[in-house]
Amino acid sequence: MGYDPDEEPCYDDGPDTWDHPDPLDEAVRASRHRNMADGQVAMCVAHLLATTSPRECLSARTLVAAEVGPALGLGSGAALKLVDTVIALQTRLRA
């Protein structure tokens, strides 16, 4: 019994009978995924903060913001706000 490319796949029912997801359930699922992705970004920024050493007159905060901003398509203010938020979370939520 081999594979026959001319043979149509056999389904019990077609796409018309499949259940459509509830929009509210999909919104909750998407929100959870966004929260997980935001957490991963925060963990990466925290790792960059921990591994970046200050250079002359620039702090690690400024250097990480300068590196993260263009990579994520953020302006300088948004990048600094992200780094400051990560620092605040890191100091308040020690694991």
C-alpha atoms as a PDB file:
ATOM      1  CA  MET A   1       0.000   0.000   0.000  1.00  0.00           C
ATOM      2  CA  GLY A   2       1.960   2.991  -1.281  1.00  0.00           C
ATOM      3  CA  TYR A   3       1.261   6.659  -1.660  1.00  0.00           C
ATOM      4  CA  ASP A   4      -0.825   7.613  -4.668  1.00  0.00           C
ATOM      5  CA  PRO A   5      -0.519  11.344  -5.511  1.00  0.00           C
ATOM      6  CA  ASP A   6      -3.755  11.236  -7.552  1.00  0.00           C
ATOM      7  CA  GLU A   7      -5.779   9.954  -4.632  1.00  0.00           C
ATOM      8  CA  GLU A   8      -7.783  12.600  -2.785  1.00  0.00           C
ATOM      9  CA  PRO A   9      -7.354  12.802   1.003  1.00  0.00           C
ATOM     10  CA  CYS A  10     -10.261  11.269   2.858  1.00  0.00           C
ATOM     11  CA  TYR A  11     -11.839  13.389   5.581  1.00  0.00           C
ATOM     12  CA  ASP A  12     -14.840  12.521   7.708  1.00  0.00           C
ATOM     13  CA  ASP A  13     -16.215  16.021   7.314  1.00  0.00           C
ATOM     14  CA  GLY A  14     -15.273  19.108   5.393  1.00  0.00           C
ATOM     15  CA  PRO A  15     -14.064  22.503   6.574  1.00  0.00           C
ATOM     16  CA  ASP A  16     -17.657  23.770   6.542  1.00  0.00           C
ATOM     17  CA  THR A  17     -18.521  21.551   9.497  1.00  0.00           C
ATOM     18  CA  TRP A  18     -15.471  22.390  11.611  1.00  0.00           C
ATOM     19  CA  ASP A  19     -16.150  24.402  14.728  1.00  0.00           C
ATOM     20  CA  HIS A  20     -15.187  28.034  14.515  1.00  0.00           C
ATOM     21  CA  PRO A  21     -13.361  29.278  17.618  1.00  0.00           C
ATOM     22  CA  ASP A  22     -15.120  31.676  19.932  1.00  0.00           C
ATOM     23  CA  PRO A  23     -13.743  35.206  19.393  1.00  0.00           C
ATOM     24  CA  LEU A  24     -13.487  35.806  23.142  1.00  0.00           C
ATOM     25  CA  ASP A  25     -11.490  32.603  23.633  1.00  0.00           C
ATOM     26  CA  GLU A  26      -9.202  33.636  20.797  1.00  0.00           C
ATOM     27  CA  ALA A  27      -8.714  37.095  22.332  1.00  0.00           C
ATOM     28  CA  VAL A  28      -7.785  35.526  25.695  1.00  0.00           C
ATOM     29  CA  ARG A  29      -5.400  33.104  23.978  1.00  0.00           C
ATOM     30  CA  ALA A  30      -3.756  35.912  22.011  1.00  0.00           C
ATOM     31  CA  SER A  31      -3.410  38.034  25.148  1.00  0.00           C
ATOM     32  CA  ARG A  32      -1.710  35.179  26.988  1.00  0.00           C
ATOM     33  CA  HIS A  33       0.709  34.644  24.118  1.00  0.00           C
ATOM     34  CA  ARG A  34       1.500  38.360  24.027  1.00  0.00           C
ATOM     35  CA  ASN A  35       2.183  38.306  27.774  1.00  0.00           C
ATOM     36  CA  MET A  36       4.540  35.352  27.336  1.00  0.00           C
ATOM     37  CA  ALA A  37       6.343  37.131  24.497  1.00  0.00           C
ATOM     38  CA  ASP A  38       6.637  40.319  26.579  1.00  0.00           C
ATOM     39  CA  GLY A  39       8.097  38.248  29.413  1.00  0.00           C
ATOM     40  CA  GLN A  40      10.679  36.742  27.071  1.00  0.00           C
ATOM     41  CA  VAL A  41      11.683  40.220  25.877  1.00  0.00           C
ATOM     42  CA  ALA A  42      12.019  41.348  29.506  1.00  0.00           C
ATOM     43  CA  MET A  43      14.192  38.330  30.333  1.00  0.00           C
ATOM     44  CA  CYS A  44      16.470  39.075  27.377  1.00  0.00           C
ATOM     45  CA  VAL A  45      16.783  42.747  28.355  1.00  0.00           C
ATOM     46  CA  ALA A  46      17.556  41.706  31.950  1.00  0.00           C
ATOM     47  CA  HIS A  47      20.262  39.360  30.648  1.00  0.00           C
ATOM     48  CA  LEU A  48      21.735  42.176  28.549  1.00  0.00           C
ATOM     49  CA  LEU A  49      21.736  44.446  31.603  1.00  0.00           C
ATOM     50  CA  ALA A  50      23.529  41.808  33.664  1.00  0.00           C
ATOM     51  CA  THR A  51      26.186  41.152  31.031  1.00  0.00           C
ATOM     52  CA  THR A  52      26.825  44.719  29.852  1.00  0.00           C
ATOM     53  CA  SER A  53      29.542  46.642  31.633  1.00  0.00           C
ATOM     54  CA  PRO A  54      29.486  50.445  31.723  1.00  0.00           C
ATOM     55  CA  ARG A  55      31.832  52.243  29.355  1.00  0.00           C
ATOM     56  CA  GLU A  56      33.421  55.551  30.399  1.00  0.00           C
ATOM     57  CA  CYS A  57      30.489  57.942  30.828  1.00  0.00           C
ATOM     58  CA  LEU A  58      27.712  55.595  29.602  1.00  0.00           C
ATOM     59  CA  SER A  59      25.838  53.384  32.034  1.00  0.00           C
ATOM     60  CA  ALA A  60      24.753  49.829  31.278  1.00  0.00           C
ATOM     61  CA  ARG A  61      21.171  51.145  31.196  1.00  0.00           C
ATOM     62  CA  THR A  62      22.015  53.593  28.409  1.00  0.00           C
ATOM     63  CA  LEU A  63      24.059  51.058  26.446  1.00  0.00           C
ATOM     64  CA  VAL A  64      21.332  48.398  26.605  1.00  0.00           C
ATOM     65  CA  ALA A  65      18.666  50.917  25.598  1.00  0.00           C
ATOM     66  CA  ALA A  66      20.836  51.989  22.661  1.00  0.00           C
ATOM     67  CA  GLU A  67      21.213  48.361  21.578  1.00  0.00           C
ATOM     68  CA  VAL A  68      17.629  47.226  22.167  1.00  0.00           C
ATOM     69  CA  GLY A  69      15.891  50.267  20.671  1.00  0.00           C
ATOM     70  CA  PRO A  70      16.921  49.836  17.026  1.00  0.00           C
ATOM     71  CA  ALA A  71      16.666  46.050  17.232  1.00  0.00           C
ATOM     72  CA  LEU A  72      13.021  46.237  18.350  1.00  0.00           C
ATOM     73  CA  GLY A  73      12.136  49.283  16.285  1.00  0.00           C
ATOM     74  CA  LEU A  74      11.736  51.530  19.329  1.00  0.00           C
ATOM     75  CA  GLY A  75      12.650  55.154  19.736  1.00  0.00           C
ATOM     76  CA  SER A  76      15.104  56.245  22.402  1.00  0.00           C
ATOM     77  CA  GLY A  77      12.370  57.150  24.891  1.00  0.00           C
ATOM     78  CA  ALA A  78      10.523  53.856  24.475  1.00  0.00           C
ATOM     79  CA  ALA A  79      13.775  51.882  24.735  1.00  0.00           C
ATOM     80  CA  LEU A  80      14.733  53.655  27.968  1.00  0.00           C
ATOM     81  CA  LYS A  81      11.228  53.081  29.338  1.00  0.00           C
ATOM     82  CA  LEU A  82      11.505  49.360  28.502  1.00  0.00           C
ATOM     83  CA  VAL A  83      14.891  49.096  30.218  1.00  0.00           C
ATOM     84  CA  ASP A  84      13.620  51.040  33.262  1.00  0.00           C
ATOM     85  CA  THR A  85      10.571  48.779  33.499  1.00  0.00           C
ATOM     86  CA  VAL A  86      12.789  45.691  33.365  1.00  0.00           C
ATOM     87  CA  ILE A  87      15.025  47.132  36.089  1.00  0.00           C
ATOM     88  CA  ALA A  88      11.974  47.880  38.277  1.00  0.00           C
ATOM     89  CA  LEU A  89      10.544  44.385  37.745  1.00  0.00           C
ATOM     90  CA  GLN A  90      13.912  42.789  38.377  1.00  0.00           C
ATOM     91  CA  THR A  91      14.377  44.585  41.705  1.00  0.00           C
ATOM     92  CA  ARG A  92      10.797  44.003  42.887  1.00  0.00           C
ATOM     93  CA  LEU A  93      10.221  40.461  41.675  1.00  0.00           C
ATOM     94  CA  ARG A  94      13.286  38.526  42.724  1.00  0.00           C
ATOM     95  CA  ALA A  95      12.970  34.819  41.960  1.00  0.00           C
END
